[in-house]
Amino acid sequence: MIRVEDLSVSYGNVPVLENCHLTMAAGEHAALSGPSGCGKTTLLRCIAGLQLPDRGKVKVSGRIGYVFQEPRLFPWLTAEENLALVLPEPSGVGRQRAKERLSAAERQRAEAGLSAAERWLAEAGLAGAGKKYPSELSGGMKQRLSICRALASGADILLMDEPIKELDADTARKMREWIRRICAGKTLLIATHNPEDLAMADTIYDYGNRTFIPRSSGSARDSCAHM
């Protein structure tokens, strides 16, 4: 569940959001739609607790997973190891790359984590990339890994900031379908200015007058079908 009440944010003397309200039930999928620079990222950051608003309240129930506009991967870890950091127990015990420091039992569970990571990578179309470091991956591959890490974390709430923008059309279509399937039953909020991304949402909030207003007619996917 997400509830935003009377939220306002300014940068210096420039107001970005004013008296913003947003309510999402558990399991709901929604999208923030608007041009670049309108405050979509700011609202996501406030919901995630990464930024304090000037005024207003944010209430969140559940663990949050976040996909940033740019992949924020640990460059000294492989793709598999980046995923192993967030995988739930027991497979997520492999949190130290220096496996020699782990006990035999911990090492075994760490290897299980890497096996689970391989399965997630295959789902994201990254089979065979597990041993590669972020510097060896293309921009689109790094973005898919970032999405994969958030989904694999077991979070109840997924906040995604322009998650598809680095991907080609065919890969983007597959990732949208995958995100929607994996997020079934989870709360999903996406910030985007791409009309095609709105197909992942049940509810669309359009930017206007320094706030986000829910569309009043038709379902989100019906609206997207005519764009």
C-alpha atoms as a PDB file:
ATOM      1  CA  MET A   1       0.000   0.000   0.000  1.00  0.00           C
ATOM      2  CA  ILE A   2       1.176   3.517  -0.838  1.00  0.00           C
ATOM      3  CA  ARG A   3      -0.452   6.727   0.357  1.00  0.00           C
ATOM      4  CA  VAL A   4       0.810  10.221  -0.466  1.00  0.00           C
ATOM      5  CA  GLU A   5      -0.962  13.157   1.190  1.00  0.00           C
ATOM      6  CA  ASP A   6      -0.513  16.894   0.465  1.00  0.00           C
ATOM      7  CA  LEU A   7       3.064  16.372  -0.714  1.00  0.00           C
ATOM      8  CA  SER A   8       4.982  19.429  -1.925  1.00  0.00           C
ATOM      9  CA  VAL A   9       8.598  19.665  -3.092  1.00  0.00           C
ATOM     10  CA  SER A  10      10.612  22.628  -4.327  1.00  0.00           C
ATOM     11  CA  TYR A  11      14.171  22.948  -5.588  1.00  0.00           C
ATOM     12  CA  GLY A  12      15.335  26.326  -4.399  1.00  0.00           C
ATOM     13  CA  ASN A  13      12.567  28.748  -5.324  1.00  0.00           C
ATOM     14  CA  VAL A  14      11.168  26.470  -8.027  1.00  0.00           C
ATOM     15  CA  PRO A  15       8.130  24.406  -6.973  1.00  0.00           C
ATOM     16  CA  VAL A  16       8.026  20.945  -8.583  1.00  0.00           C
ATOM     17  CA  LEU A  17       5.137  19.240  -6.795  1.00  0.00           C
ATOM     18  CA  GLU A  18       2.328  20.964  -4.895  1.00  0.00           C
ATOM     19  CA  ASN A  19      -0.339  19.292  -2.765  1.00  0.00           C
ATOM     20  CA  CYS A  20       0.184  15.950  -4.479  1.00  0.00           C
ATOM     21  CA  HIS A  21      -2.092  13.046  -3.494  1.00  0.00           C
ATOM     22  CA  LEU A  22      -1.756   9.416  -4.560  1.00  0.00           C
ATOM     23  CA  THR A  23      -3.216   6.232  -3.122  1.00  0.00           C
ATOM     24  CA  MET A  24      -2.408   2.705  -4.270  1.00  0.00           C
ATOM     25  CA  ALA A  25      -3.835  -0.489  -2.853  1.00  0.00           C
ATOM     26  CA  ALA A  26      -1.653  -3.543  -2.324  1.00  0.00           C
ATOM     27  CA  GLY A  27      -1.193  -5.351  -5.633  1.00  0.00           C
ATOM     28  CA  GLU A  28      -2.172  -2.356  -7.781  1.00  0.00           C
ATOM     29  CA  HIS A  29      -0.121  -1.394 -10.852  1.00  0.00           C
ATOM     30  CA  ALA A  30       0.058   2.316 -11.671  1.00  0.00           C
ATOM     31  CA  ALA A  31       2.103   4.702 -13.806  1.00  0.00           C
ATOM     32  CA  LEU A  32       3.141   8.334 -13.466  1.00  0.00           C
ATOM     33  CA  SER A  33       2.925   9.879 -16.935  1.00  0.00           C
ATOM     34  CA  GLY A  34       4.415  13.212 -17.884  1.00  0.00           C
ATOM     35  CA  PRO A  35       7.277  14.986 -19.661  1.00  0.00           C
ATOM     36  CA  SER A  36      10.873  14.819 -18.483  1.00  0.00           C
ATOM     37  CA  GLY A  37      11.550  17.060 -15.508  1.00  0.00           C
ATOM     38  CA  CYS A  38       7.955  17.271 -14.264  1.00  0.00           C
ATOM     39  CA  GLY A  39       8.593  15.586 -10.893  1.00  0.00           C
ATOM     40  CA  LYS A  40       8.051  11.870 -11.549  1.00  0.00           C
ATOM     41  CA  THR A  41      11.454  10.905 -10.155  1.00  0.00           C
ATOM     42  CA  THR A  42      11.015  13.278  -7.233  1.00  0.00           C
ATOM     43  CA  LEU A  43       7.748  11.603  -6.247  1.00  0.00           C
ATOM     44  CA  LEU A  44       9.284   8.122  -6.501  1.00  0.00           C
ATOM     45  CA  ARG A  45      12.220   9.210  -4.351  1.00  0.00           C
ATOM     46  CA  CYS A  46       9.900  10.621  -1.704  1.00  0.00           C
ATOM     47  CA  ILE A  47       7.883   7.397  -1.635  1.00  0.00           C
ATOM     48  CA  ALA A  48      11.097   5.375  -1.278  1.00  0.00           C
ATOM     49  CA  GLY A  49      12.342   7.589   1.545  1.00  0.00           C
ATOM     50  CA  LEU A  50      15.320   8.780  -0.485  1.00  0.00           C
ATOM     51  CA  GLN A  51      14.161  12.400  -0.377  1.00  0.00           C
ATOM     52  CA  LEU A  52      12.237  14.395   2.198  1.00  0.00           C
ATOM     53  CA  PRO A  53       9.362  16.564   0.930  1.00  0.00           C
ATOM     54  CA  ASP A  54       8.967  20.172   2.000  1.00  0.00           C
ATOM     55  CA  ARG A  55       5.482  19.338   3.217  1.00  0.00           C
ATOM     56  CA  GLY A  56       3.139  16.369   3.314  1.00  0.00           C
ATOM     57  CA  LYS A  57       3.121  12.724   4.339  1.00  0.00           C
ATOM     58  CA  VAL A  58       4.077   9.427   2.711  1.00  0.00           C
ATOM     59  CA  LYS A  59       2.860   6.117   4.129  1.00  0.00           C
ATOM     60  CA  VAL A  60       4.151   2.816   2.765  1.00  0.00           C
ATOM     61  CA  SER A  61       3.323  -0.718   3.856  1.00  0.00           C
ATOM     62  CA  GLY A  62       5.820  -3.328   2.622  1.00  0.00           C
ATOM     63  CA  ARG A  63       9.412  -3.676   1.460  1.00  0.00           C
ATOM     64  CA  ILE A  64      10.465  -1.511  -1.481  1.00  0.00           C
ATOM     65  CA  GLY A  65      12.514  -2.458  -4.524  1.00  0.00           C
ATOM     66  CA  TYR A  66      13.745   0.417  -6.712  1.00  0.00           C
ATOM     67  CA  VAL A  67      14.885   0.577 -10.343  1.00  0.00           C
ATOM     68  CA  PHE A  68      16.732   3.823 -11.041  1.00  0.00           C
ATOM     69  CA  GLN A  69      16.951   5.483 -14.443  1.00  0.00           C
ATOM     70  CA  GLU A  70      20.606   4.474 -14.636  1.00  0.00           C
ATOM     71  CA  PRO A  71      21.760   0.980 -13.583  1.00  0.00           C
ATOM     72  CA  ARG A  72      23.314   1.153 -10.121  1.00  0.00           C
ATOM     73  CA  LEU A  73      25.335  -2.033 -10.106  1.00  0.00           C
ATOM     74  CA  PHE A  74      28.400  -2.922  -8.066  1.00  0.00           C
ATOM     75  CA  PRO A  75      31.179  -2.780 -10.697  1.00  0.00           C
ATOM     76  CA  TRP A  76      33.480  -5.158  -8.794  1.00  0.00           C
ATOM     77  CA  LEU A  77      30.821  -7.924  -8.743  1.00  0.00           C
ATOM     78  CA  THR A  78      29.705 -10.109 -11.630  1.00  0.00           C
ATOM     79  CA  ALA A  79      26.103 -10.117 -12.828  1.00  0.00           C
ATOM     80  CA  GLU A  80      25.435 -13.260 -10.776  1.00  0.00           C
ATOM     81  CA  GLU A  81      26.993 -11.743  -7.675  1.00  0.00           C
ATOM     82  CA  ASN A  82      24.982  -8.528  -8.042  1.00  0.00           C
ATOM     83  CA  LEU A  83      21.837 -10.672  -7.950  1.00  0.00           C
ATOM     84  CA  ALA A  84      23.053 -12.921  -5.117  1.00  0.00           C
ATOM     85  CA  LEU A  85      23.205  -9.837  -2.887  1.00  0.00           C
ATOM     86  CA  VAL A  86      19.417  -9.477  -2.871  1.00  0.00           C
ATOM     87  CA  LEU A  87      18.135 -13.028  -3.219  1.00  0.00           C
ATOM     88  CA  PRO A  88      16.065 -14.126  -0.206  1.00  0.00           C
ATOM     89  CA  GLU A  89      17.431 -16.681   2.234  1.00  0.00           C
ATOM     90  CA  PRO A  90      18.816 -19.248   1.988  1.00  0.00           C
ATOM     91  CA  SER A  91      20.089 -18.438  -1.481  1.00  0.00           C
ATOM     92  CA  GLY A  92      20.997 -14.853  -0.629  1.00  0.00           C
ATOM     93  CA  VAL A  93      23.669 -15.694   1.926  1.00  0.00           C
ATOM     94  CA  GLY A  94      26.469 -15.202  -0.601  1.00  0.00           C
ATOM     95  CA  ARG A  95      26.951 -11.527   0.196  1.00  0.00           C
ATOM     96  CA  GLN A  96      30.753 -11.601   0.230  1.00  0.00           C
ATOM     97  CA  ARG A  97      32.588 -12.001  -3.013  1.00  0.00           C
ATOM     98  CA  ALA A  98      35.565 -13.383  -1.093  1.00  0.00           C
ATOM     99  CA  LYS A  99      34.037 -16.848  -0.758  1.00  0.00           C
ATOM    100  CA  GLU A 100      37.119 -18.165   1.054  1.00  0.00           C
ATOM    101  CA  ARG A 101      36.044 -16.203   4.151  1.00  0.00           C
ATOM    102  CA  LEU A 102      32.789 -18.142   4.428  1.00  0.00           C
ATOM    103  CA  SER A 103      32.192 -21.322   6.367  1.00  0.00           C
ATOM    104  CA  ALA A 104      31.518 -24.507   4.388  1.00  0.00           C
ATOM    105  CA  ALA A 105      27.760 -24.230   5.043  1.00  0.00           C
ATOM    106  CA  GLU A 106      27.678 -20.570   4.048  1.00  0.00           C
ATOM    107  CA  ARG A 107      29.710 -21.299   0.908  1.00  0.00           C
ATOM    108  CA  GLN A 108      27.220 -23.974  -0.125  1.00  0.00           C
ATOM    109  CA  ARG A 109      24.319 -21.590   0.319  1.00  0.00           C
ATOM    110  CA  ALA A 110      26.206 -18.895  -1.590  1.00  0.00           C
ATOM    111  CA  GLU A 111      26.578 -21.265  -4.535  1.00  0.00           C
ATOM    112  CA  ALA A 112      22.840 -21.951  -4.337  1.00  0.00           C
ATOM    113  CA  GLY A 113      22.354 -18.194  -4.569  1.00  0.00           C
ATOM    114  CA  LEU A 114      24.365 -18.051  -7.762  1.00  0.00           C
ATOM    115  CA  SER A 115      22.288 -20.913  -9.206  1.00  0.00           C
ATOM    116  CA  ALA A 116      19.120 -18.953  -8.447  1.00  0.00           C
ATOM    117  CA  ALA A 117      20.751 -15.894 -10.023  1.00  0.00           C
ATOM    118  CA  GLU A 118      21.376 -17.863 -13.199  1.00  0.00           C
ATOM    119  CA  ARG A 119      17.675 -18.688 -13.419  1.00  0.00           C
ATOM    120  CA  TRP A 120      16.717 -15.016 -12.986  1.00  0.00           C
ATOM    121  CA  LEU A 121      19.231 -13.944 -15.621  1.00  0.00           C
ATOM    122  CA  ALA A 122      17.794 -16.441 -18.089  1.00  0.00           C
ATOM    123  CA  GLU A 123      14.304 -15.030 -17.446  1.00  0.00           C
ATOM    124  CA  ALA A 124      15.611 -11.555 -18.284  1.00  0.00           C
ATOM    125  CA  GLY A 125      17.237 -12.731 -21.503  1.00  0.00           C
ATOM    126  CA  LEU A 126      20.724 -12.573 -19.970  1.00  0.00           C
ATOM    127  CA  ALA A 127      21.622 -16.255 -20.059  1.00  0.00           C
ATOM    128  CA  GLY A 128      25.382 -16.649 -20.316  1.00  0.00           C
ATOM    129  CA  ALA A 129      26.102 -13.194 -18.863  1.00  0.00           C
ATOM    130  CA  GLY A 130      26.374 -14.294 -15.237  1.00  0.00           C
ATOM    131  CA  LYS A 131      30.163 -14.275 -15.065  1.00  0.00           C
ATOM    132  CA  LYS A 132      30.508 -10.903 -16.738  1.00  0.00           C
ATOM    133  CA  TYR A 133      31.157  -7.660 -14.885  1.00  0.00           C
ATOM    134  CA  PRO A 134      28.990  -4.576 -15.513  1.00  0.00           C
ATOM    135  CA  SER A 135      31.788  -3.026 -17.590  1.00  0.00           C
ATOM    136  CA  GLU A 136      31.463  -5.953 -19.995  1.00  0.00           C
ATOM    137  CA  LEU A 137      27.721  -5.491 -20.500  1.00  0.00           C
ATOM    138  CA  SER A 138      25.939  -3.163 -22.919  1.00  0.00           C
ATOM    139  CA  GLY A 139      23.738  -0.362 -21.588  1.00  0.00           C
ATOM    140  CA  GLY A 140      20.580  -2.352 -22.285  1.00  0.00           C
ATOM    141  CA  MET A 141      21.982  -5.467 -20.583  1.00  0.00           C
ATOM    142  CA  LYS A 142      22.906  -3.459 -17.491  1.00  0.00           C
ATOM    143  CA  GLN A 143      19.402  -2.012 -17.370  1.00  0.00           C
ATOM    144  CA  ARG A 144      17.867  -5.491 -17.612  1.00  0.00           C
ATOM    145  CA  LEU A 145      20.156  -6.654 -14.807  1.00  0.00           C
ATOM    146  CA  SER A 146      19.033  -3.719 -12.682  1.00  0.00           C
ATOM    147  CA  ILE A 147      15.371  -4.616 -13.296  1.00  0.00           C
ATOM    148  CA  CYS A 148      16.129  -8.275 -12.592  1.00  0.00           C
ATOM    149  CA  ARG A 149      17.788  -7.419  -9.274  1.00  0.00           C
ATOM    150  CA  ALA A 150      14.784  -5.420  -8.086  1.00  0.00           C
ATOM    151  CA  LEU A 151      12.338  -8.166  -9.062  1.00  0.00           C
ATOM    152  CA  ALA A 152      14.477 -10.903  -7.490  1.00  0.00           C
ATOM    153  CA  SER A 153      14.689  -9.072  -4.161  1.00  0.00           C
ATOM    154  CA  GLY A 154      11.251 -10.277  -3.074  1.00  0.00           C
ATOM    155  CA  ALA A 155      10.075  -6.709  -2.441  1.00  0.00           C
ATOM    156  CA  ASP A 156       6.345  -6.090  -1.948  1.00  0.00           C
ATOM    157  CA  ILE A 157       6.473  -2.707  -3.711  1.00  0.00           C
ATOM    158  CA  LEU A 158       8.383  -2.027  -6.940  1.00  0.00           C
ATOM    159  CA  LEU A 159       9.214   1.563  -7.904  1.00  0.00           C
ATOM    160  CA  MET A 160      10.613   1.860 -11.425  1.00  0.00           C
ATOM    161  CA  ASP A 161      11.962   5.081 -12.937  1.00  0.00           C
ATOM    162  CA  GLU A 162      11.967   4.916 -16.760  1.00  0.00           C
ATOM    163  CA  PRO A 163      12.980   1.229 -16.604  1.00  0.00           C
ATOM    164  CA  ILE A 164      12.649   0.484 -20.333  1.00  0.00           C
ATOM    165  CA  LYS A 165      14.286   3.534 -21.906  1.00  0.00           C
ATOM    166  CA  GLU A 166      17.632   1.879 -22.782  1.00  0.00           C
ATOM    167  CA  LEU A 167      16.074  -1.110 -24.567  1.00  0.00           C
ATOM    168  CA  ASP A 168      15.323  -1.760 -28.226  1.00  0.00           C
ATOM    169  CA  ALA A 169      11.678  -2.158 -29.246  1.00  0.00           C
ATOM    170  CA  ASP A 170      11.539  -5.967 -29.249  1.00  0.00           C
ATOM    171  CA  THR A 171      13.417  -6.353 -25.948  1.00  0.00           C
ATOM    172  CA  ALA A 172      11.313  -3.598 -24.392  1.00  0.00           C
ATOM    173  CA  ARG A 173       8.094  -5.396 -25.348  1.00  0.00           C
ATOM    174  CA  LYS A 174       9.320  -8.649 -23.787  1.00  0.00           C
ATOM    175  CA  MET A 175      10.471  -6.861 -20.628  1.00  0.00           C
ATOM    176  CA  ARG A 176       7.117  -5.117 -20.207  1.00  0.00           C
ATOM    177  CA  GLU A 177       5.325  -8.451 -20.415  1.00  0.00           C
ATOM    178  CA  TRP A 178       7.822 -10.024 -18.002  1.00  0.00           C
ATOM    179  CA  ILE A 179       7.613  -7.193 -15.456  1.00  0.00           C
ATOM    180  CA  ARG A 180       3.821  -7.327 -15.435  1.00  0.00           C
ATOM    181  CA  ARG A 181       3.823 -11.111 -14.989  1.00  0.00           C
ATOM    182  CA  ILE A 182       6.447 -11.171 -12.234  1.00  0.00           C
ATOM    183  CA  CYS A 183       4.760  -8.274 -10.417  1.00  0.00           C
ATOM    184  CA  ALA A 184       1.353  -9.972 -10.281  1.00  0.00           C
ATOM    185  CA  GLY A 185       0.156  -9.526  -6.708  1.00  0.00           C
ATOM    186  CA  LYS A 186       2.801  -6.890  -5.975  1.00  0.00           C
ATOM    187  CA  THR A 187       2.393  -3.124  -5.928  1.00  0.00           C
ATOM    188  CA  LEU A 188       4.056  -1.554  -8.985  1.00  0.00           C
ATOM    189  CA  LEU A 189       4.547   2.165  -9.666  1.00  0.00           C
ATOM    190  CA  ILE A 190       6.331   3.199 -12.874  1.00  0.00           C
ATOM    191  CA  ALA A 191       7.471   6.674 -13.889  1.00  0.00           C
ATOM    192  CA  THR A 192       7.573   7.139 -17.657  1.00  0.00           C
ATOM    193  CA  HIS A 193       7.093   9.519 -20.552  1.00  0.00           C
ATOM    194  CA  ASN A 194       6.798   6.625 -23.019  1.00  0.00           C
ATOM    195  CA  PRO A 195       3.131   5.853 -23.832  1.00  0.00           C
ATOM    196  CA  GLU A 196       3.984   2.203 -24.513  1.00  0.00           C
ATOM    197  CA  ASP A 197       5.103   1.705 -20.901  1.00  0.00           C
ATOM    198  CA  LEU A 198       1.602   2.598 -19.692  1.00  0.00           C
ATOM    199  CA  ALA A 199       0.435  -0.868 -20.769  1.00  0.00           C
ATOM    200  CA  MET A 200       2.042  -2.189 -17.564  1.00  0.00           C
ATOM    201  CA  ALA A 201      -0.363  -0.157 -15.431  1.00  0.00           C
ATOM    202  CA  ASP A 202      -3.974  -0.506 -14.355  1.00  0.00           C
ATOM    203  CA  THR A 203      -4.132   3.158 -13.289  1.00  0.00           C
ATOM    204  CA  ILE A 204      -2.432   6.137 -14.924  1.00  0.00           C
ATOM    205  CA  TYR A 205      -1.654   9.391 -13.140  1.00  0.00           C
ATOM    206  CA  ASP A 206      -1.124  12.288 -15.568  1.00  0.00           C
ATOM    207  CA  TYR A 207       0.964  15.307 -14.643  1.00  0.00           C
ATOM    208  CA  GLY A 208      -0.797  18.647 -14.455  1.00  0.00           C
ATOM    209  CA  ASN A 209      -0.520  21.791 -12.340  1.00  0.00           C
ATOM    210  CA  ARG A 210       2.443  20.428 -10.348  1.00  0.00           C
ATOM    211  CA  THR A 211       0.624  17.276  -9.260  1.00  0.00           C
ATOM    212  CA  PHE A 212      -0.466  13.906 -10.654  1.00  0.00           C
ATOM    213  CA  ILE A 213      -4.143  13.355 -11.451  1.00  0.00           C
ATOM    214  CA  PRO A 214      -5.696   9.912 -12.100  1.00  0.00           C
ATOM    215  CA  ARG A 215      -7.293   9.470 -15.510  1.00  0.00           C
ATOM    216  CA  SER A 216     -11.046   9.472 -15.108  1.00  0.00           C
ATOM    217  CA  SER A 217     -12.220   7.326 -17.997  1.00  0.00           C
ATOM    218  CA  GLY A 218     -11.348   3.837 -19.227  1.00  0.00           C
ATOM    219  CA  SER A 219      -8.741   1.436 -17.971  1.00  0.00           C
ATOM    220  CA  ALA A 220      -5.066   2.226 -18.427  1.00  0.00           C
ATOM    221  CA  ARG A 221      -4.541  -0.499 -21.005  1.00  0.00           C
ATOM    222  CA  ASP A 222      -7.612   0.647 -22.951  1.00  0.00           C
ATOM    223  CA  SER A 223      -6.196   4.169 -22.995  1.00  0.00           C
ATOM    224  CA  CYS A 224      -2.818   2.924 -24.218  1.00  0.00           C
ATOM    225  CA  ALA A 225      -4.386   0.977 -27.038  1.00  0.00           C
ATOM    226  CA  HIS A 226      -5.443   4.245 -28.695  1.00  0.00           C
ATOM    227  CA  MET A 227      -2.085   6.059 -28.378  1.00  0.00           C
END
